[in-house]
C-alpha atoms as a PDB file:
ATOM      1  CA  MET A   1     -29.530 -26.639  11.288  1.00  0.00           C
ATOM      2  CA  LYS A   2     -30.548 -22.788  11.010  1.00  0.00           C
ATOM      3  CA  LYS A   3     -33.648 -21.880  13.235  1.00  0.00           C
ATOM      4  CA  GLU A   4     -36.276 -20.352  11.329  1.00  0.00           C
ATOM      5  CA  ILE A   5     -38.221 -17.163  12.216  1.00  0.00           C
ATOM      6  CA  ASP A   6     -42.079 -17.024  11.946  1.00  0.00           C
ATOM      7  CA  PRO A   7     -42.531 -14.790   8.778  1.00  0.00           C
ATOM      8  CA  HIS A   8     -45.823 -13.889  10.280  1.00  0.00           C
ATOM      9  CA  GLY A   9     -44.507 -12.360  13.625  1.00  0.00           C
ATOM     10  CA  PHE A  10     -46.424 -11.938  16.697  1.00  0.00           C
ATOM     11  CA  ILE A  11     -49.064  -9.868  18.510  1.00  0.00           C
ATOM     12  CA  VAL A  12     -49.464  -8.641  21.911  1.00  0.00           C
ATOM     13  CA  SER A  13     -51.961 -10.529  24.274  1.00  0.00           C
ATOM     14  CA  PRO A  14     -54.767  -8.328  25.179  1.00  0.00           C
ATOM     15  CA  GLU A  15     -53.728  -9.205  28.829  1.00  0.00           C
ATOM     16  CA  ALA A  16     -50.381  -7.941  28.362  1.00  0.00           C
ATOM     17  CA  ALA A  17     -49.634  -4.327  29.520  1.00  0.00           C
ATOM     18  CA  ALA A  18     -46.130  -2.628  29.223  1.00  0.00           C
ATOM     19  CA  SER A  19     -44.449  -0.179  30.562  1.00  0.00           C
ATOM     20  CA  PHE A  20     -40.979   1.285  29.234  1.00  0.00           C
ATOM     21  CA  HIS A  21     -38.282   3.040  31.167  1.00  0.00           C
ATOM     22  CA  ASP A  22     -34.723   3.910  30.906  1.00  0.00           C
ATOM     23  CA  GLY A  23     -33.263   0.660  32.103  1.00  0.00           C
ATOM     24  CA  GLY A  24     -35.695  -1.359  29.542  1.00  0.00           C
ATOM     25  CA  ILE A  25     -39.469  -2.362  30.304  1.00  0.00           C
ATOM     26  CA  VAL A  26     -41.560  -3.883  32.859  1.00  0.00           C
ATOM     27  CA  ILE A  27     -44.703  -6.083  31.261  1.00  0.00           C
ATOM     28  CA  LEU A  28     -47.783  -7.252  33.375  1.00  0.00           C
ATOM     29  CA  HIS A  29     -49.584 -10.114  32.560  1.00  0.00           C
ATOM     30  CA  THR A  30     -53.332  -8.593  34.023  1.00  0.00           C
ATOM     31  CA  GLY A  31     -54.924 -12.225  34.087  1.00  0.00           C
ATOM     32  CA  LYS A  32     -52.126 -13.548  36.120  1.00  0.00           C
ATOM     33  CA  GLY A  33     -51.008 -10.564  37.874  1.00  0.00           C
ATOM     34  CA  THR A  34     -47.300 -11.434  37.356  1.00  0.00           C
ATOM     35  CA  LEU A  35     -44.822  -9.161  36.357  1.00  0.00           C
ATOM     36  CA  PHE A  36     -41.821  -9.410  33.850  1.00  0.00           C
ATOM     37  CA  THR A  37     -38.911  -7.173  33.206  1.00  0.00           C
ATOM     38  CA  ALA A  38     -36.433  -6.849  30.339  1.00  0.00           C
ATOM     39  CA  ASN A  39     -33.468  -4.962  29.370  1.00  0.00           C
ATOM     40  CA  LYS A  40     -33.192  -2.337  26.836  1.00  0.00           C
ATOM     41  CA  ALA A  41     -32.858  -5.013  23.946  1.00  0.00           C
ATOM     42  CA  GLY A  42     -35.847  -6.950  25.238  1.00  0.00           C
ATOM     43  CA  ALA A  43     -37.681  -3.529  25.108  1.00  0.00           C
ATOM     44  CA  ARG A  44     -36.874  -3.041  21.504  1.00  0.00           C
ATOM     45  CA  VAL A  45     -38.153  -6.758  20.781  1.00  0.00           C
ATOM     46  CA  TRP A  46     -41.313  -5.647  22.538  1.00  0.00           C
ATOM     47  CA  HIS A  47     -41.609  -2.517  20.338  1.00  0.00           C
ATOM     48  CA  GLY A  48     -41.340  -4.600  17.371  1.00  0.00           C
ATOM     49  CA  VAL A  49     -44.079  -6.833  18.451  1.00  0.00           C
ATOM     50  CA  GLU A  50     -46.121  -3.835  19.019  1.00  0.00           C
ATOM     51  CA  GLN A  51     -45.581  -2.579  15.551  1.00  0.00           C
ATOM     52  CA  ARG A  52     -46.266  -5.960  14.243  1.00  0.00           C
ATOM     53  CA  LEU A  53     -43.003  -6.114  12.641  1.00  0.00           C
ATOM     54  CA  PRO A  54     -42.102  -9.943  11.590  1.00  0.00           C
ATOM     55  CA  SER A  55     -39.353 -11.471  13.688  1.00  0.00           C
ATOM     56  CA  GLU A  56     -36.917 -11.228  11.177  1.00  0.00           C
ATOM     57  CA  ALA A  57     -37.099  -7.364  10.859  1.00  0.00           C
ATOM     58  CA  ILE A  58     -36.887  -7.397  14.915  1.00  0.00           C
ATOM     59  CA  ALA A  59     -33.661  -9.190  14.679  1.00  0.00           C
ATOM     60  CA  GLU A  60     -32.371  -7.299  11.977  1.00  0.00           C
ATOM     61  CA  GLU A  61     -32.541  -4.232  14.148  1.00  0.00           C
ATOM     62  CA  ILE A  62     -31.062  -5.683  17.316  1.00  0.00           C
ATOM     63  CA  SER A  63     -28.432  -6.581  15.235  1.00  0.00           C
ATOM     64  CA  SER A  64     -27.748  -3.174  13.880  1.00  0.00           C
ATOM     65  CA  VAL A  65     -28.164  -1.228  16.894  1.00  0.00           C
ATOM     66  CA  TYR A  66     -26.347  -3.537  19.217  1.00  0.00           C
ATOM     67  CA  GLN A  67     -23.644  -4.392  16.512  1.00  0.00           C
ATOM     68  CA  LEU A  68     -24.239  -8.229  16.767  1.00  0.00           C
ATOM     69  CA  ALA A  69     -23.991 -10.887  14.367  1.00  0.00           C
ATOM     70  CA  GLN A  70     -27.107 -11.350  12.589  1.00  0.00           C
ATOM     71  CA  THR A  71     -27.099 -15.038  13.820  1.00  0.00           C
ATOM     72  CA  THR A  72     -26.459 -14.194  17.377  1.00  0.00           C
ATOM     73  CA  ALA A  73     -29.315 -11.217  17.096  1.00  0.00           C
ATOM     74  CA  ARG A  74     -31.712 -13.915  15.415  1.00  0.00           C
ATOM     75  CA  GLU A  75     -31.003 -16.529  18.368  1.00  0.00           C
ATOM     76  CA  HIS A  76     -31.439 -13.989  21.063  1.00  0.00           C
ATOM     77  CA  THR A  77     -34.575 -12.469  19.507  1.00  0.00           C
ATOM     78  CA  LEU A  78     -36.113 -15.959  19.002  1.00  0.00           C
ATOM     79  CA  ARG A  79     -35.436 -17.056  22.821  1.00  0.00           C
ATOM     80  CA  PHE A  80     -36.957 -13.957  23.965  1.00  0.00           C
ATOM     81  CA  LEU A  81     -39.917 -14.252  21.608  1.00  0.00           C
ATOM     82  CA  ALA A  82     -40.398 -17.829  22.999  1.00  0.00           C
ATOM     83  CA  GLN A  83     -39.958 -16.777  26.732  1.00  0.00           C
ATOM     84  CA  LEU A  84     -42.858 -14.035  25.878  1.00  0.00           C
ATOM     85  CA  GLU A  85     -44.812 -16.345  24.231  1.00  0.00           C
ATOM     86  CA  ARG A  86     -44.753 -19.315  26.867  1.00  0.00           C
ATOM     87  CA  HIS A  87     -46.041 -16.537  29.295  1.00  0.00           C
ATOM     88  CA  ALA A  88     -48.830 -15.887  27.327  1.00  0.00           C
ATOM     89  CA  LEU A  89     -47.517 -12.275  26.779  1.00  0.00           C
ATOM     90  CA  ILE A  90     -47.533 -12.221  23.028  1.00  0.00           C
ATOM     91  CA  ARG A  91     -49.245 -14.752  20.664  1.00  0.00           C
ATOM     92  CA  ARG A  92     -48.395 -16.082  17.114  1.00  0.00           C
ATOM     93  CA  GLU A  93     -50.227 -13.940  14.460  1.00  0.00           C
ATOM     94  CA  VAL A  94     -52.619 -16.142  12.395  1.00  0.00           C
ATOM     95  CA  ALA A  95     -52.513 -15.164   8.603  1.00  0.00           C
ATOM     96  CA  SER A  96     -55.989 -14.768   7.389  1.00  0.00           C
END
């Protein structure tokens, strides 16, 4: 069974602040005071969320940049987005 990607995408939580660096990204949840780190691929996913790109577009970029099979890139992107959402760093964008 294929995992479906939410076509509406995600938005950054107002309680999240990110800092990009050569090795990736550090994200602070200002409300909880917790830090999260991710590698360069994670930083690309975060940047896609900041740009309000659909999840599928983020996965396509990951696939292209890192020369991964589309299914592998989709799987990794979905997993990372789920982690960000679980930690309240992003939330699903609600269609208006």
